[in-house]
C-alpha atoms as a PDB file:
ATOM      1  CA  MET A   1      69.911 120.123 109.390  1.00  0.00           C
ATOM      2  CA  ASN A   2      70.807 116.685 109.893  1.00  0.00           C
ATOM      3  CA  THR A   3      73.965 116.947 112.177  1.00  0.00           C
ATOM      4  CA  SER A   4      75.366 113.170 111.086  1.00  0.00           C
ATOM      5  CA  LEU A   5      75.090 114.099 107.610  1.00  0.00           C
ATOM      6  CA  ALA A   6      76.718 117.533 108.320  1.00  0.00           C
ATOM      7  CA  ARG A   7      79.811 115.496 110.491  1.00  0.00           C
ATOM      8  CA  LEU A   8      79.815 113.061 107.544  1.00  0.00           C
ATOM      9  CA  ALA A   9      80.259 115.749 104.977  1.00  0.00           C
ATOM     10  CA  ASP A  10      83.000 117.598 106.959  1.00  0.00           C
ATOM     11  CA  LEU A  11      84.854 114.001 107.010  1.00  0.00           C
ATOM     12  CA  LYS A  12      84.505 114.030 103.306  1.00  0.00           C
ATOM     13  CA  ARG A  13      86.213 117.438 102.927  1.00  0.00           C
ATOM     14  CA  VAL A  14      88.885 116.746 104.839  1.00  0.00           C
ATOM     15  CA  LEU A  15      89.392 113.133 103.435  1.00  0.00           C
ATOM     16  CA  LEU A  16      88.920 114.911  99.868  1.00  0.00           C
ATOM     17  CA  GLY A  17      92.169 118.032 101.490  1.00  0.00           C
ATOM     18  CA  MET A  18      94.225 114.810 103.064  1.00  0.00           C
ATOM     19  CA  GLU A  19      94.067 112.677  99.339  1.00  0.00           C
ATOM     20  CA  ARG A  20      95.007 116.063  97.687  1.00  0.00           C
ATOM     21  CA  ASP A  21      97.969 116.739  99.992  1.00  0.00           C
ATOM     22  CA  LEU A  22      99.321 113.081  98.812  1.00  0.00           C
ATOM     23  CA  GLY A  23      98.714 113.537  95.151  1.00  0.00           C
ATOM     24  CA  LEU A  24      96.019 111.231  95.323  1.00  0.00           C
ATOM     25  CA  GLN A  25      93.164 113.000  93.863  1.00  0.00           C
ATOM     26  CA  SER A  26      93.664 111.479  90.124  1.00  0.00           C
ATOM     27  CA  LEU A  27      93.592 108.042  90.975  1.00  0.00           C
ATOM     28  CA  ALA A  28      90.359 106.617  90.814  1.00  0.00           C
ATOM     29  CA  GLU A  29      88.299 105.166  93.810  1.00  0.00           C
ATOM     30  CA  PRO A  30      89.148 101.420  93.823  1.00  0.00           C
ATOM     31  CA  GLU A  31      92.909 102.808  93.445  1.00  0.00           C
ATOM     32  CA  ARG A  32      92.139 104.533  96.770  1.00  0.00           C
ATOM     33  CA  LEU A  33      90.594 102.380  98.409  1.00  0.00           C
ATOM     34  CA  ILE A  34      93.444  99.664  97.325  1.00  0.00           C
ATOM     35  CA  LEU A  35      96.015 101.861  98.654  1.00  0.00           C
ATOM     36  CA  CYS A  36      94.289 102.399 102.192  1.00  0.00           C
ATOM     37  CA  ALA A  37      93.614  99.115 102.435  1.00  0.00           C
ATOM     38  CA  ALA A  38      97.448  98.258 101.473  1.00  0.00           C
ATOM     39  CA  ALA A  39      98.498 101.330 104.210  1.00  0.00           C
ATOM     40  CA  LEU A  40      96.356  99.729 106.917  1.00  0.00           C
ATOM     41  CA  GLN A  41      97.376  96.252 106.473  1.00  0.00           C
ATOM     42  CA  ASP A  42     101.314  97.409 106.202  1.00  0.00           C
ATOM     43  CA  GLU A  43     103.427  96.086 108.543  1.00  0.00           C
ATOM     44  CA  GLY A  44     107.312  97.653 106.294  1.00  0.00           C
ATOM     45  CA  ASP A  45     109.111  93.938 106.031  1.00  0.00           C
ATOM     46  CA  ILE A  46     106.134  92.196 105.654  1.00  0.00           C
ATOM     47  CA  GLU A  47     104.769  91.811 101.770  1.00  0.00           C
ATOM     48  CA  LEU A  48     100.992  92.360 101.187  1.00  0.00           C
ATOM     49  CA  SER A  49      99.306  89.572  99.549  1.00  0.00           C
ATOM     50  CA  VAL A  50      96.574  89.938  97.103  1.00  0.00           C
ATOM     51  CA  ALA A  51      94.258  87.623  99.177  1.00  0.00           C
ATOM     52  CA  ALA A  52      94.932  89.970 102.025  1.00  0.00           C
ATOM     53  CA  LEU A  53      94.236  93.062 100.038  1.00  0.00           C
ATOM     54  CA  GLN A  54      91.023  91.363  98.179  1.00  0.00           C
ATOM     55  CA  GLU A  55      89.638  90.463 101.550  1.00  0.00           C
ATOM     56  CA  HIS A  56      90.512  93.992 103.285  1.00  0.00           C
ATOM     57  CA  GLN A  57      87.109  95.397 104.596  1.00  0.00           C
ATOM     58  CA  LEU A  58      87.456  98.397 102.185  1.00  0.00           C
ATOM     59  CA  THR A  59      88.212  96.263  99.274  1.00  0.00           C
ATOM     60  CA  VAL A  60      85.485  93.527  99.796  1.00  0.00           C
ATOM     61  CA  GLY A  61      83.088  94.774  97.277  1.00  0.00           C
ATOM     62  CA  LEU A  62      85.198  95.478  94.288  1.00  0.00           C
ATOM     63  CA  PRO A  63      84.621  93.413  91.610  1.00  0.00           C
ATOM     64  CA  ARG A  64      87.496  90.941  90.378  1.00  0.00           C
ATOM     65  CA  SER A  65      88.063  92.568  87.099  1.00  0.00           C
ATOM     66  CA  THR A  66      87.822  96.314  88.968  1.00  0.00           C
ATOM     67  CA  PHE A  67      90.554  95.063  92.019  1.00  0.00           C
ATOM     68  CA  PHE A  68      92.631  93.718  89.414  1.00  0.00           C
ATOM     69  CA  LYS A  69      92.780  96.769  86.864  1.00  0.00           C
ATOM     70  CA  ALA A  70      93.403  99.155  89.977  1.00  0.00           C
ATOM     71  CA  LEU A  71      96.335  97.204  91.247  1.00  0.00           C
ATOM     72  CA  LYS A  72      98.077  97.299  87.552  1.00  0.00           C
ATOM     73  CA  THR A  73      97.518 101.109  87.599  1.00  0.00           C
ATOM     74  CA  LEU A  74      98.799 101.117  91.957  1.00  0.00           C
ATOM     75  CA  ILE A  75     101.786  98.906  90.530  1.00  0.00           C
ATOM     76  CA  SER A  76     102.517 101.621  86.888  1.00  0.00           C
ATOM     77  CA  THR A  77     101.791 104.899  88.969  1.00  0.00           C
ATOM     78  CA  GLY A  78     105.003 103.546  91.398  1.00  0.00           C
ATOM     79  CA  HIS A  79     101.911 103.410  94.453  1.00  0.00           C
ATOM     80  CA  LEU A  80     102.681 100.159  94.950  1.00  0.00           C
ATOM     81  CA  THR A  81     105.696  97.862  94.468  1.00  0.00           C
ATOM     82  CA  LYS A  82     106.043  93.841  93.312  1.00  0.00           C
ATOM     83  CA  VAL A  83     108.068  91.919  95.423  1.00  0.00           C
ATOM     84  CA  GLY A  84     108.983  88.261  94.863  1.00  0.00           C
ATOM     85  CA  PRO A  85     108.556  86.107  91.682  1.00  0.00           C
ATOM     86  CA  SER A  86     105.896  87.077  89.084  1.00  0.00           C
ATOM     87  CA  LYS A  87     103.994  84.615  90.009  1.00  0.00           C
ATOM     88  CA  ARG A  88     102.097  84.958  93.257  1.00  0.00           C
ATOM     89  CA  SER A  89     103.776  87.750  93.991  1.00  0.00           C
ATOM     90  CA  GLY A  90     103.307  90.397  97.064  1.00  0.00           C
ATOM     91  CA  TYR A  91     103.536  93.978  96.892  1.00  0.00           C
ATOM     92  CA  ALA A  92     105.033  96.887  98.861  1.00  0.00           C
ATOM     93  CA  LEU A  93     103.739 100.079  99.865  1.00  0.00           C
ATOM     94  CA  ASN A  94     105.663 102.771  98.178  1.00  0.00           C
ATOM     95  CA  THR A  95     107.492 104.377 101.444  1.00  0.00           C
ATOM     96  CA  ARG A  96     107.338 107.923  99.630  1.00  0.00           C
ATOM     97  CA  LEU A  97     103.997 108.239 100.317  1.00  0.00           C
END
C-alpha cells in the first residue's frame, strides 16, 4: 500500500468532516477555495481585496469568470460581506463561521 496516498486519503476524510461540521459541504470547490484563502488572509479589521484573493496560492489557478461567480455566491450566502463603495469594494469574512 502507498503510505503517502493513504495519508492523503486520511487528510481528505478529515477535511470533508470539517467542511461538513462548518456547513460548507454545499459549496462548490471554487467557493471553498476562495473562502479558505479569505480565512488565511483575514486579519479582522483589514478588508480583503479582490486582487489579494485572486493571487492567493489556493485560488491562483481559478479562471476569472469562475472566481467572480464563486465570489458572488459567497456574498449571497453570507459567507463574505462587501465592505466599502460598490466599485473597488473590499470583502470581510463573516464572523459566524
